[in-house]
């Protein structure tokens, strides 16, 4: 990545967390291959500690019929680049919680993606009004490399907390580390506190290993 691709902002710019630089364009970064989308078998599930104790699911057509929300949110990669001012459109995570309420005592969710990839979130972060199951960015449908048909967007956290190719949300009564959290990434992932690595965790920041 050449220097010409970077566009630094003044240190005082309020949109840029500590240690981040502005990225021109939107690099496609992911672990493993890009999955092949199969519309006839694709669904999105909500399971775990639901209030009804039942699993809920939407096929591709039903999911795309859900009400849409648009938010503006930055994307902060733990590798220290930021893509600012993105306009994301998709299904609000808060709407999902309304449609499938969690049972009493739920504190966290695990968001599952293709190939068993996962990211854990506090329920409050998932329920935030800007957290989306995004289908579009800046008015255009996501490409396969960027998570089509659905990726989670959590603007307040580092981007690894927003998996591409989302397939399920699990409600949990206790925290459990996701894919990258099990591999040394910080459990909470607040970019404004530079919570990049698990060795930075304070007592109470995550479950015991």
N, C-alpha and C. Protein backbone atom coordinates (compact mmCIF):
# COMPACT_ATOMS: atom_id res chain seq x y z
N UNK A 1 0.85 -1.19 0.00
CA UNK A 1 0.00 0.00 0.00
C UNK A 1 0.89 1.24 0.00
N UNK A 2 0.85 2.06 -1.05
CA UNK A 2 1.72 3.20 -1.16
C UNK A 2 1.25 4.39 -0.35
N UNK A 3 2.18 5.32 -0.13
CA UNK A 3 1.83 6.51 0.64
C UNK A 3 0.77 7.34 -0.06
N UNK A 4 0.74 7.27 -1.42
CA UNK A 4 -0.25 8.05 -2.16
C UNK A 4 -1.67 7.63 -1.86
N UNK A 5 -1.85 6.41 -1.33
CA UNK A 5 -3.20 5.92 -1.01
C UNK A 5 -3.67 6.42 0.35
N UNK A 6 -2.79 7.07 1.10
CA UNK A 6 -3.15 7.53 2.43
C UNK A 6 -3.40 9.04 2.40
N UNK A 7 -4.35 9.45 3.16
CA UNK A 7 -4.73 10.85 3.19
C UNK A 7 -4.86 11.28 4.64
N UNK A 8 -3.73 11.64 5.30
CA UNK A 8 -3.78 11.95 6.73
C UNK A 8 -4.62 13.17 7.04
N UNK A 9 -5.31 13.12 8.15
CA UNK A 9 -6.06 14.26 8.66
C UNK A 9 -5.27 14.93 9.77
N UNK A 10 -5.59 16.17 10.05
CA UNK A 10 -4.96 16.81 11.20
C UNK A 10 -5.21 16.01 12.46
N UNK A 11 -4.26 15.98 13.40
CA UNK A 11 -4.42 15.19 14.61
C UNK A 11 -5.68 15.54 15.39
N UNK A 12 -6.18 16.76 15.22
CA UNK A 12 -7.33 17.19 16.00
C UNK A 12 -8.67 16.77 15.39
N UNK A 13 -8.64 16.11 14.21
CA UNK A 13 -9.90 15.73 13.58
C UNK A 13 -10.68 14.81 14.52
N UNK A 14 -11.92 15.17 14.86
CA UNK A 14 -12.66 14.41 15.87
C UNK A 14 -13.11 13.04 15.40
N UNK A 15 -13.02 12.74 14.12
CA UNK A 15 -13.49 11.45 13.63
C UNK A 15 -12.46 10.34 13.75
N UNK A 16 -11.21 10.68 14.00
CA UNK A 16 -10.13 9.72 13.91
C UNK A 16 -9.65 9.29 15.29
N UNK A 17 -9.83 8.02 15.67
CA UNK A 17 -9.35 7.54 16.97
C UNK A 17 -7.82 7.56 17.05
N UNK A 18 -7.28 7.46 18.22
CA UNK A 18 -5.82 7.44 18.38
C UNK A 18 -5.19 6.30 17.59
N UNK A 19 -4.05 6.60 16.96
CA UNK A 19 -3.29 5.57 16.25
C UNK A 19 -3.81 5.22 14.88
N UNK A 20 -4.90 5.85 14.42
CA UNK A 20 -5.49 5.54 13.12
C UNK A 20 -5.07 6.54 12.07
N UNK A 21 -5.08 6.13 10.81
CA UNK A 21 -4.84 7.01 9.67
C UNK A 21 -6.00 6.86 8.69
N UNK A 22 -6.23 7.87 7.89
CA UNK A 22 -7.33 7.82 6.92
C UNK A 22 -6.89 7.02 5.70
N UNK A 23 -7.78 6.15 5.26
CA UNK A 23 -7.54 5.31 4.08
C UNK A 23 -8.40 5.79 2.92
N UNK A 24 -7.78 6.03 1.79
CA UNK A 24 -8.54 6.33 0.58
C UNK A 24 -8.96 5.01 -0.05
N UNK A 25 -10.22 4.88 -0.42
CA UNK A 25 -10.72 3.61 -0.90
C UNK A 25 -11.14 2.73 0.26
N UNK A 26 -11.47 1.49 -0.05
CA UNK A 26 -11.98 0.56 0.96
C UNK A 26 -11.35 -0.80 0.73
N UNK A 27 -10.23 -1.08 1.37
CA UNK A 27 -9.58 -2.38 1.18
C UNK A 27 -10.48 -3.52 1.63
N UNK A 28 -10.42 -4.64 0.91
CA UNK A 28 -11.17 -5.84 1.29
C UNK A 28 -10.23 -6.74 2.08
N UNK A 29 -10.50 -6.87 3.37
CA UNK A 29 -9.67 -7.69 4.25
C UNK A 29 -10.54 -8.73 4.93
N UNK A 30 -10.13 -9.98 4.87
CA UNK A 30 -10.88 -11.03 5.54
C UNK A 30 -9.99 -12.26 5.70
N UNK A 31 -10.43 -13.13 6.58
CA UNK A 31 -9.74 -14.39 6.83
C UNK A 31 -10.43 -15.50 6.06
N UNK A 32 -9.68 -16.22 5.25
CA UNK A 32 -10.27 -17.33 4.50
C UNK A 32 -10.89 -16.88 3.18
N UNK A 33 -11.49 -17.82 2.44
CA UNK A 33 -12.04 -17.52 1.13
C UNK A 33 -13.37 -16.78 1.20
N UNK A 34 -13.74 -16.18 0.08
CA UNK A 34 -15.04 -15.53 -0.04
C UNK A 34 -16.09 -16.62 -0.31
N UNK A 35 -17.13 -16.71 0.53
CA UNK A 35 -18.11 -17.78 0.33
C UNK A 35 -18.98 -17.54 -0.90
N UNK A 36 -19.46 -18.62 -1.45
CA UNK A 36 -20.38 -18.53 -2.58
C UNK A 36 -21.80 -18.35 -2.06
N UNK A 37 -22.48 -17.33 -2.53
CA UNK A 37 -23.84 -17.06 -2.09
C UNK A 37 -24.83 -18.00 -2.76
N UNK A 38 -25.69 -18.64 -1.95
CA UNK A 38 -26.69 -19.56 -2.47
C UNK A 38 -28.07 -19.07 -2.02
N UNK A 39 -28.74 -18.28 -2.85
CA UNK A 39 -29.98 -17.62 -2.41
C UNK A 39 -31.10 -18.57 -2.02
N UNK A 40 -31.14 -19.77 -2.57
CA UNK A 40 -32.24 -20.69 -2.26
C UNK A 40 -32.09 -21.33 -0.89
N UNK A 41 -30.89 -21.38 -0.37
CA UNK A 41 -30.67 -22.00 0.95
C UNK A 41 -30.25 -21.01 2.01
N UNK A 42 -29.97 -19.76 1.62
CA UNK A 42 -29.52 -18.76 2.59
C UNK A 42 -30.63 -18.41 3.57
N UNK A 43 -30.28 -18.27 4.83
CA UNK A 43 -31.21 -17.71 5.80
C UNK A 43 -30.41 -17.00 6.89
N UNK A 44 -31.12 -16.19 7.65
CA UNK A 44 -30.55 -15.53 8.82
C UNK A 44 -31.31 -16.03 10.04
N UNK A 45 -30.58 -16.53 11.03
CA UNK A 45 -31.20 -17.13 12.20
C UNK A 45 -30.91 -16.31 13.45
N UNK A 46 -31.84 -16.33 14.38
CA UNK A 46 -31.64 -15.84 15.74
C UNK A 46 -31.97 -16.99 16.66
N UNK A 47 -31.02 -17.34 17.52
CA UNK A 47 -31.23 -18.50 18.39
C UNK A 47 -30.55 -18.25 19.73
N UNK A 48 -30.54 -19.26 20.56
CA UNK A 48 -29.98 -19.11 21.90
C UNK A 48 -31.06 -18.76 22.89
N UNK A 49 -30.75 -17.83 23.79
CA UNK A 49 -31.67 -17.47 24.88
C UNK A 49 -32.68 -16.44 24.41
N UNK A 50 -33.58 -16.85 23.51
CA UNK A 50 -34.67 -15.98 23.07
C UNK A 50 -35.80 -16.02 24.10
N UNK A 51 -36.60 -14.98 24.13
CA UNK A 51 -37.70 -14.92 25.10
C UNK A 51 -38.69 -16.06 24.91
N UNK A 52 -38.85 -16.48 23.66
CA UNK A 52 -39.79 -17.57 23.36
C UNK A 52 -39.16 -18.95 23.50
N UNK A 53 -37.83 -18.97 23.71
CA UNK A 53 -37.07 -20.22 23.76
C UNK A 53 -37.07 -20.95 22.42
N UNK A 54 -37.40 -20.23 21.35
CA UNK A 54 -37.42 -20.83 20.02
C UNK A 54 -36.46 -20.11 19.09
N UNK A 55 -36.01 -20.82 18.07
CA UNK A 55 -35.18 -20.23 17.03
C UNK A 55 -36.07 -19.54 15.99
N UNK A 56 -35.61 -18.41 15.51
CA UNK A 56 -36.33 -17.68 14.46
C UNK A 56 -35.41 -17.55 13.24
N UNK A 57 -36.01 -17.53 12.05
CA UNK A 57 -35.19 -17.38 10.85
C UNK A 57 -35.96 -16.67 9.76
N UNK A 58 -35.21 -16.05 8.86
CA UNK A 58 -35.75 -15.39 7.67
C UNK A 58 -34.99 -15.92 6.46
N UNK A 59 -35.71 -16.28 5.42
CA UNK A 59 -35.00 -16.60 4.18
C UNK A 59 -34.60 -15.29 3.51
N UNK A 60 -33.93 -15.41 2.37
CA UNK A 60 -33.37 -14.22 1.73
C UNK A 60 -34.46 -13.22 1.36
N UNK A 61 -35.57 -13.69 0.83
CA UNK A 61 -36.66 -12.80 0.44
C UNK A 61 -37.27 -12.12 1.66
N UNK A 62 -37.50 -12.87 2.72
CA UNK A 62 -38.12 -12.31 3.92
C UNK A 62 -37.19 -11.31 4.59
N UNK A 63 -35.91 -11.61 4.63
CA UNK A 63 -34.97 -10.67 5.23
C UNK A 63 -34.96 -9.36 4.46
N UNK A 64 -34.95 -9.44 3.15
CA UNK A 64 -34.91 -8.22 2.34
C UNK A 64 -36.21 -7.44 2.38
N UNK A 65 -37.28 -8.04 2.90
CA UNK A 65 -38.55 -7.33 3.06
C UNK A 65 -38.63 -6.57 4.39
N UNK A 66 -37.66 -6.78 5.28
CA UNK A 66 -37.67 -6.07 6.56
C UNK A 66 -37.39 -4.58 6.36
N UNK A 67 -37.93 -3.72 7.24
CA UNK A 67 -37.67 -2.28 7.13
C UNK A 67 -36.19 -1.96 7.15
N UNK A 68 -35.80 -0.94 6.40
CA UNK A 68 -34.41 -0.55 6.26
C UNK A 68 -34.11 0.75 7.00
N UNK A 69 -32.88 0.85 7.45
CA UNK A 69 -32.38 2.03 8.14
C UNK A 69 -31.06 2.44 7.50
N UNK A 70 -30.80 3.72 7.45
CA UNK A 70 -29.52 4.23 6.95
C UNK A 70 -28.83 5.03 8.04
N UNK A 71 -27.56 4.75 8.27
CA UNK A 71 -26.76 5.49 9.24
C UNK A 71 -25.43 5.86 8.59
N UNK A 72 -24.82 6.89 9.11
CA UNK A 72 -23.46 7.26 8.69
C UNK A 72 -22.52 6.83 9.80
N UNK A 73 -21.54 6.04 9.43
CA UNK A 73 -20.62 5.52 10.44
C UNK A 73 -19.26 5.24 9.86
N UNK A 74 -18.22 5.48 10.64
CA UNK A 74 -16.85 5.23 10.22
C UNK A 74 -16.50 3.76 10.43
N UNK A 75 -15.49 3.30 9.71
CA UNK A 75 -14.99 1.94 9.85
C UNK A 75 -13.53 2.02 10.26
N UNK A 76 -13.21 1.49 11.42
CA UNK A 76 -11.85 1.57 11.96
C UNK A 76 -11.26 0.17 12.03
N UNK A 77 -10.28 -0.10 11.20
CA UNK A 77 -9.62 -1.41 11.18
C UNK A 77 -8.52 -1.44 12.23
N UNK A 78 -8.37 -2.58 12.88
CA UNK A 78 -7.35 -2.72 13.91
C UNK A 78 -5.94 -2.58 13.33
N UNK A 79 -5.80 -2.75 12.01
CA UNK A 79 -4.50 -2.56 11.37
C UNK A 79 -4.15 -1.08 11.19
N UNK A 80 -4.99 -0.21 11.73
CA UNK A 80 -4.73 1.23 11.88
C UNK A 80 -5.15 2.09 10.70
N UNK A 81 -5.99 1.59 9.79
CA UNK A 81 -6.58 2.49 8.82
C UNK A 81 -8.05 2.69 9.14
N UNK A 82 -8.57 3.85 8.76
CA UNK A 82 -9.97 4.20 8.97
C UNK A 82 -10.58 4.68 7.66
N UNK A 83 -11.80 4.23 7.37
CA UNK A 83 -12.58 4.71 6.23
C UNK A 83 -13.74 5.50 6.82
N UNK A 84 -13.71 6.80 6.59
CA UNK A 84 -14.63 7.71 7.28
C UNK A 84 -15.86 8.04 6.44
N UNK A 85 -16.96 8.35 7.14
CA UNK A 85 -18.15 8.90 6.50
C UNK A 85 -18.92 7.94 5.63
N UNK A 86 -18.89 6.64 5.94
CA UNK A 86 -19.64 5.67 5.16
C UNK A 86 -21.14 5.80 5.44
N UNK A 87 -21.94 5.69 4.41
CA UNK A 87 -23.39 5.65 4.56
C UNK A 87 -23.83 4.19 4.42
N UNK A 88 -24.22 3.61 5.54
CA UNK A 88 -24.61 2.20 5.56
C UNK A 88 -26.13 2.08 5.57
N UNK A 89 -26.65 1.12 4.82
CA UNK A 89 -28.08 0.84 4.81
C UNK A 89 -28.29 -0.65 5.08
N UNK A 90 -29.27 -0.94 5.92
CA UNK A 90 -29.56 -2.32 6.23
C UNK A 90 -30.63 -2.43 7.29
N UNK A 91 -30.69 -3.57 7.93
CA UNK A 91 -31.67 -3.84 8.98
C UNK A 91 -31.03 -3.51 10.32
N UNK A 92 -31.68 -2.65 11.07
CA UNK A 92 -31.16 -2.27 12.37
C UNK A 92 -31.11 -3.47 13.31
N UNK A 93 -30.01 -3.60 14.03
CA UNK A 93 -29.93 -4.67 15.04
C UNK A 93 -31.00 -4.48 16.10
N UNK A 94 -31.34 -3.22 16.39
CA UNK A 94 -32.40 -2.96 17.37
C UNK A 94 -33.74 -3.51 16.90
N UNK A 95 -34.00 -3.45 15.59
CA UNK A 95 -35.23 -4.03 15.05
C UNK A 95 -35.23 -5.55 15.24
N UNK A 96 -34.09 -6.17 15.01
CA UNK A 96 -34.00 -7.61 15.21
C UNK A 96 -34.33 -7.98 16.66
N UNK A 97 -33.82 -7.16 17.59
CA UNK A 97 -34.11 -7.42 19.01
C UNK A 97 -35.59 -7.23 19.33
N UNK A 98 -36.25 -6.30 18.62
CA UNK A 98 -37.69 -6.11 18.81
C UNK A 98 -38.47 -7.30 18.24
N UNK A 99 -38.05 -7.78 17.09
CA UNK A 99 -38.76 -8.88 16.44
C UNK A 99 -38.56 -10.20 17.18
N UNK A 100 -37.36 -10.37 17.71
CA UNK A 100 -37.04 -11.59 18.47
C UNK A 100 -36.43 -11.15 19.80
N UNK A 101 -37.26 -10.86 20.80
CA UNK A 101 -36.73 -10.35 22.06
C UNK A 101 -35.85 -11.39 22.76
N UNK A 102 -34.78 -10.93 23.39
CA UNK A 102 -33.97 -11.84 24.19
C UNK A 102 -34.65 -12.17 25.52
N UNK A 103 -34.30 -13.30 26.08
CA UNK A 103 -34.82 -13.69 27.39
C UNK A 103 -34.20 -12.82 28.47
N UNK A 104 -34.83 -12.72 29.64
CA UNK A 104 -34.21 -12.01 30.76
C UNK A 104 -32.82 -12.60 31.06
N UNK A 105 -31.91 -11.73 31.38
CA UNK A 105 -30.57 -12.18 31.73
C UNK A 105 -29.60 -12.24 30.58
N UNK A 106 -30.05 -12.00 29.35
CA UNK A 106 -29.12 -11.98 28.21
C UNK A 106 -28.23 -10.74 28.32
N UNK A 107 -26.93 -10.94 28.22
CA UNK A 107 -25.96 -9.85 28.36
C UNK A 107 -25.11 -9.65 27.12
N UNK A 108 -25.02 -10.68 26.28
CA UNK A 108 -24.13 -10.64 25.12
C UNK A 108 -24.78 -11.35 23.94
N UNK A 109 -24.23 -11.10 22.77
CA UNK A 109 -24.60 -11.88 21.59
C UNK A 109 -23.32 -12.39 20.93
N UNK A 110 -23.48 -13.48 20.22
CA UNK A 110 -22.43 -13.96 19.32
C UNK A 110 -22.99 -13.87 17.92
N UNK A 111 -22.29 -13.16 17.06
CA UNK A 111 -22.72 -13.03 15.67
C UNK A 111 -21.91 -14.04 14.85
N UNK A 112 -22.63 -14.93 14.18
CA UNK A 112 -22.00 -16.02 13.43
C UNK A 112 -22.03 -15.71 11.93
N UNK A 113 -20.95 -16.08 11.25
CA UNK A 113 -20.85 -15.87 9.82
C UNK A 113 -20.48 -17.18 9.13
N UNK A 114 -20.38 -17.12 7.82
CA UNK A 114 -20.00 -18.32 7.05
C UNK A 114 -18.68 -18.89 7.57
N UNK A 115 -18.51 -20.20 7.40
CA UNK A 115 -17.30 -20.94 7.80
C UNK A 115 -17.08 -20.95 9.30
N UNK A 116 -18.11 -20.62 10.10
CA UNK A 116 -17.96 -20.67 11.54
C UNK A 116 -17.27 -19.48 12.16
N UNK A 117 -17.02 -18.44 11.38
CA UNK A 117 -16.43 -17.22 11.93
C UNK A 117 -17.43 -16.59 12.89
N UNK A 118 -16.93 -15.95 13.96
CA UNK A 118 -17.82 -15.39 14.97
C UNK A 118 -17.21 -14.15 15.61
N UNK A 119 -18.06 -13.30 16.17
CA UNK A 119 -17.63 -12.13 16.94
C UNK A 119 -18.61 -11.92 18.07
N UNK A 120 -18.09 -11.78 19.29
CA UNK A 120 -18.95 -11.56 20.45
C UNK A 120 -19.08 -10.07 20.72
N UNK A 121 -20.27 -9.68 21.18
CA UNK A 121 -20.58 -8.28 21.48
C UNK A 121 -21.39 -8.20 22.76
N UNK A 122 -21.17 -7.14 23.51
CA UNK A 122 -22.09 -6.86 24.61
C UNK A 122 -23.46 -6.53 24.01
N UNK A 123 -24.51 -6.91 24.71
CA UNK A 123 -25.85 -6.65 24.20
C UNK A 123 -26.06 -5.16 23.93
N UNK A 124 -25.52 -4.31 24.79
CA UNK A 124 -25.68 -2.86 24.61
C UNK A 124 -25.04 -2.39 23.31
N UNK A 125 -23.91 -2.97 22.92
CA UNK A 125 -23.26 -2.59 21.66
C UNK A 125 -24.08 -3.07 20.47
N UNK A 126 -24.63 -4.27 20.57
CA UNK A 126 -25.47 -4.78 19.49
C UNK A 126 -26.75 -3.97 19.34
N UNK A 127 -27.31 -3.54 20.47
CA UNK A 127 -28.58 -2.81 20.46
C UNK A 127 -28.42 -1.33 20.11
N UNK A 128 -27.19 -0.85 20.00
CA UNK A 128 -26.95 0.56 19.69
C UNK A 128 -27.67 0.95 18.40
N UNK A 129 -28.22 2.14 18.36
CA UNK A 129 -29.02 2.57 17.22
C UNK A 129 -28.28 2.63 15.91
N UNK A 130 -26.93 2.63 15.93
CA UNK A 130 -26.16 2.68 14.69
C UNK A 130 -25.63 1.31 14.27
N UNK A 131 -25.90 0.27 15.04
CA UNK A 131 -25.47 -1.07 14.65
C UNK A 131 -26.45 -1.63 13.63
N UNK A 132 -25.91 -2.07 12.50
CA UNK A 132 -26.75 -2.53 11.39
C UNK A 132 -26.31 -3.88 10.87
N UNK A 133 -27.27 -4.64 10.39
CA UNK A 133 -27.01 -5.76 9.49
C UNK A 133 -27.05 -5.16 8.09
N UNK A 134 -25.90 -4.73 7.63
CA UNK A 134 -25.83 -3.88 6.45
C UNK A 134 -25.85 -4.68 5.16
N UNK A 135 -26.55 -4.11 4.18
CA UNK A 135 -26.62 -4.70 2.84
C UNK A 135 -26.04 -3.77 1.78
N UNK A 136 -25.93 -2.47 2.11
CA UNK A 136 -25.47 -1.47 1.15
C UNK A 136 -24.49 -0.50 1.82
N UNK A 137 -23.59 0.02 1.03
CA UNK A 137 -22.69 1.10 1.47
C UNK A 137 -22.70 2.19 0.41
N UNK A 138 -22.93 3.42 0.84
CA UNK A 138 -22.97 4.57 -0.07
C UNK A 138 -23.90 4.34 -1.25
N UNK A 139 -25.03 3.73 -0.96
CA UNK A 139 -26.07 3.55 -1.98
C UNK A 139 -25.89 2.36 -2.90
N UNK A 140 -24.84 1.59 -2.73
CA UNK A 140 -24.58 0.45 -3.60
C UNK A 140 -24.57 -0.84 -2.78
N UNK A 141 -25.10 -1.91 -3.37
CA UNK A 141 -25.10 -3.20 -2.69
C UNK A 141 -23.67 -3.63 -2.39
N UNK A 142 -23.48 -4.25 -1.26
CA UNK A 142 -22.16 -4.78 -0.92
C UNK A 142 -21.70 -5.77 -1.98
N UNK A 143 -20.40 -5.76 -2.26
CA UNK A 143 -19.84 -6.79 -3.12
C UNK A 143 -19.58 -8.05 -2.28
N UNK A 144 -19.33 -9.15 -2.96
CA UNK A 144 -19.03 -10.39 -2.24
C UNK A 144 -17.81 -10.23 -1.34
N UNK A 145 -16.79 -9.52 -1.82
CA UNK A 145 -15.56 -9.35 -1.04
C UNK A 145 -15.80 -8.51 0.22
N UNK A 146 -16.82 -7.69 0.21
CA UNK A 146 -17.13 -6.84 1.35
C UNK A 146 -18.30 -7.36 2.18
N UNK A 147 -18.75 -8.59 1.91
CA UNK A 147 -19.70 -9.20 2.81
C UNK A 147 -21.08 -9.50 2.28
N UNK A 148 -21.34 -9.28 0.99
CA UNK A 148 -22.66 -9.58 0.45
C UNK A 148 -23.06 -11.01 0.80
N UNK A 149 -24.29 -11.24 1.24
CA UNK A 149 -25.42 -10.28 1.23
C UNK A 149 -25.56 -9.44 2.50
N UNK A 150 -24.93 -9.84 3.61
CA UNK A 150 -25.12 -9.11 4.87
C UNK A 150 -23.81 -9.10 5.66
N UNK A 151 -23.44 -7.93 6.14
CA UNK A 151 -22.35 -7.84 7.10
C UNK A 151 -22.83 -7.00 8.28
N UNK A 152 -22.27 -7.28 9.44
CA UNK A 152 -22.59 -6.48 10.61
C UNK A 152 -21.71 -5.24 10.61
N UNK A 153 -22.30 -4.10 10.91
CA UNK A 153 -21.57 -2.85 11.03
C UNK A 153 -21.80 -2.31 12.44
N UNK A 154 -20.71 -2.13 13.18
CA UNK A 154 -20.75 -1.57 14.54
C UNK A 154 -19.80 -0.40 14.56
N UNK A 155 -20.24 0.80 14.17
CA UNK A 155 -19.31 1.92 14.00
C UNK A 155 -18.52 2.29 15.25
N UNK A 156 -19.05 1.98 16.43
CA UNK A 156 -18.38 2.38 17.66
C UNK A 156 -17.21 1.47 18.02
N UNK A 157 -17.05 0.35 17.34
CA UNK A 157 -16.01 -0.62 17.68
C UNK A 157 -15.09 -0.87 16.49
N UNK A 158 -13.94 -1.50 16.76
CA UNK A 158 -13.07 -1.90 15.67
C UNK A 158 -13.82 -2.83 14.71
N UNK A 159 -13.41 -2.80 13.46
CA UNK A 159 -14.19 -3.45 12.40
C UNK A 159 -14.24 -4.97 12.52
N UNK A 160 -13.29 -5.60 13.25
CA UNK A 160 -13.39 -7.06 13.35
C UNK A 160 -14.64 -7.50 14.11
N UNK A 161 -15.24 -6.58 14.88
CA UNK A 161 -16.49 -6.90 15.57
C UNK A 161 -17.68 -6.92 14.62
N UNK A 162 -17.47 -6.57 13.37
CA UNK A 162 -18.53 -6.59 12.37
C UNK A 162 -18.25 -7.61 11.29
N UNK A 163 -18.59 -8.87 11.51
CA UNK A 163 -18.27 -9.92 10.53
C UNK A 163 -18.98 -9.72 9.19
N UNK A 164 -18.31 -10.15 8.15
CA UNK A 164 -18.95 -10.26 6.84
C UNK A 164 -19.72 -11.57 6.77
N UNK A 165 -20.64 -11.65 5.79
CA UNK A 165 -21.36 -12.89 5.47
C UNK A 165 -22.09 -13.46 6.69
N UNK A 166 -22.81 -12.58 7.38
CA UNK A 166 -23.49 -12.97 8.62
C UNK A 166 -24.60 -13.96 8.32
N UNK A 167 -24.72 -14.96 9.21
CA UNK A 167 -25.76 -15.98 9.06
C UNK A 167 -26.62 -16.16 10.31
N UNK A 168 -26.13 -15.72 11.48
CA UNK A 168 -26.92 -15.98 12.69
C UNK A 168 -26.48 -15.06 13.82
N UNK A 169 -27.42 -14.86 14.74
CA UNK A 169 -27.17 -14.12 15.98
C UNK A 169 -27.59 -15.03 17.13
N UNK A 170 -26.67 -15.25 18.04
CA UNK A 170 -26.95 -16.09 19.21
C UNK A 170 -27.05 -15.20 20.45
N UNK A 171 -28.15 -15.30 21.17
CA UNK A 171 -28.30 -14.58 22.43
C UNK A 171 -27.66 -15.39 23.56
N UNK A 172 -26.89 -14.70 24.41
CA UNK A 172 -26.14 -15.41 25.46
C UNK A 172 -26.33 -14.73 26.81
N UNK A 173 -26.39 -15.54 27.85
CA UNK A 173 -26.48 -15.03 29.22
C UNK A 173 -25.12 -14.83 29.86
N UNK A 174 -24.07 -15.20 29.16
CA UNK A 174 -22.70 -14.98 29.63
C UNK A 174 -21.82 -14.74 28.42
N UNK A 175 -20.75 -14.01 28.61
CA UNK A 175 -19.85 -13.69 27.51
C UNK A 175 -19.04 -14.91 27.10
N UNK A 176 -18.70 -14.94 25.83
CA UNK A 176 -17.85 -16.00 25.28
C UNK A 176 -17.06 -15.40 24.13
N UNK A 177 -15.78 -15.66 24.06
CA UNK A 177 -14.94 -15.02 23.05
C UNK A 177 -15.23 -15.56 21.65
N UNK A 178 -15.19 -14.63 20.68
CA UNK A 178 -15.37 -15.00 19.29
C UNK A 178 -14.06 -15.41 18.64
N UNK A 179 -14.07 -15.47 17.31
CA UNK A 179 -12.94 -16.00 16.54
C UNK A 179 -11.64 -15.24 16.82
N UNK A 180 -11.65 -13.92 16.62
CA UNK A 180 -10.42 -13.15 16.82
C UNK A 180 -10.12 -12.93 18.30
N UNK A 181 -11.14 -12.89 19.11
CA UNK A 181 -10.92 -12.72 20.55
C UNK A 181 -10.19 -13.93 21.13
N UNK A 182 -10.45 -15.11 20.59
CA UNK A 182 -9.74 -16.31 21.01
C UNK A 182 -8.29 -16.32 20.52
N UNK A 183 -7.98 -15.45 19.58
CA UNK A 183 -6.65 -15.41 18.98
C UNK A 183 -5.87 -14.16 19.36
N UNK A 184 -6.25 -13.57 20.48
CA UNK A 184 -5.43 -12.50 21.04
C UNK A 184 -5.92 -11.09 20.83
N UNK A 185 -7.14 -10.92 20.24
CA UNK A 185 -7.68 -9.57 20.10
C UNK A 185 -8.48 -9.20 21.35
N UNK A 186 -8.56 -7.91 21.61
CA UNK A 186 -9.25 -7.41 22.80
C UNK A 186 -10.72 -7.78 22.77
N UNK A 187 -11.28 -8.12 23.92
CA UNK A 187 -12.66 -8.56 23.97
C UNK A 187 -13.66 -7.45 23.71
N UNK A 188 -13.31 -6.19 24.02
CA UNK A 188 -14.26 -5.09 23.90
C UNK A 188 -14.09 -4.27 22.63
N UNK A 189 -12.85 -4.02 22.21
CA UNK A 189 -12.55 -3.45 20.89
C UNK A 189 -13.00 -2.00 20.71
N UNK A 190 -12.81 -1.17 21.72
CA UNK A 190 -13.13 0.25 21.60
C UNK A 190 -11.94 0.97 20.95
N UNK A 191 -12.10 1.51 19.73
CA UNK A 191 -10.96 2.16 19.06
C UNK A 191 -10.50 3.43 19.76
N UNK A 192 -11.39 4.09 20.49
CA UNK A 192 -11.02 5.34 21.17
C UNK A 192 -10.13 5.06 22.38
N UNK A 193 -10.17 3.83 22.86
CA UNK A 193 -9.27 3.41 23.95
C UNK A 193 -8.13 2.54 23.43
N UNK A 194 -8.04 2.39 22.12
CA UNK A 194 -7.04 1.53 21.47
C UNK A 194 -7.01 0.13 22.07
N UNK A 195 -8.19 -0.45 22.22
CA UNK A 195 -8.31 -1.80 22.77
C UNK A 195 -8.10 -2.81 21.64
N UNK A 196 -6.84 -3.03 21.31
CA UNK A 196 -6.49 -3.89 20.18
C UNK A 196 -6.21 -5.33 20.59
N UNK A 197 -5.53 -5.54 21.73
CA UNK A 197 -5.00 -6.85 22.07
C UNK A 197 -5.51 -7.31 23.44
N UNK A 198 -5.62 -8.63 23.60
CA UNK A 198 -6.16 -9.16 24.84
C UNK A 198 -5.27 -8.87 26.04
N UNK A 199 -3.95 -8.70 25.84
CA UNK A 199 -3.08 -8.41 26.98
C UNK A 199 -3.37 -7.03 27.58
N UNK A 200 -4.11 -6.20 26.87
CA UNK A 200 -4.50 -4.89 27.40
C UNK A 200 -5.75 -4.95 28.27
N UNK A 201 -6.39 -6.09 28.33
CA UNK A 201 -7.66 -6.18 29.04
C UNK A 201 -7.51 -5.95 30.54
N UNK A 202 -8.46 -5.24 31.09
CA UNK A 202 -8.56 -5.03 32.52
C UNK A 202 -9.50 -6.09 33.10
N UNK A 203 -9.45 -6.34 34.41
CA UNK A 203 -10.40 -7.27 35.03
C UNK A 203 -11.83 -6.88 34.69
N UNK A 204 -12.61 -7.84 34.24
CA UNK A 204 -13.99 -7.58 33.87
C UNK A 204 -14.21 -7.27 32.41
N UNK A 205 -13.12 -7.08 31.64
CA UNK A 205 -13.27 -6.77 30.22
C UNK A 205 -13.70 -7.99 29.39
N UNK A 206 -13.47 -9.18 29.91
CA UNK A 206 -13.82 -10.36 29.12
C UNK A 206 -13.92 -11.60 29.99
N UNK A 207 -14.42 -12.69 29.40
CA UNK A 207 -14.51 -13.95 30.14
C UNK A 207 -13.13 -14.51 30.41
N UNK A 208 -13.04 -15.35 31.40
CA UNK A 208 -11.77 -16.01 31.69
C UNK A 208 -11.43 -16.96 30.55
N UNK A 209 -10.16 -17.12 30.30
CA UNK A 209 -9.73 -18.02 29.22
C UNK A 209 -9.74 -19.45 29.71
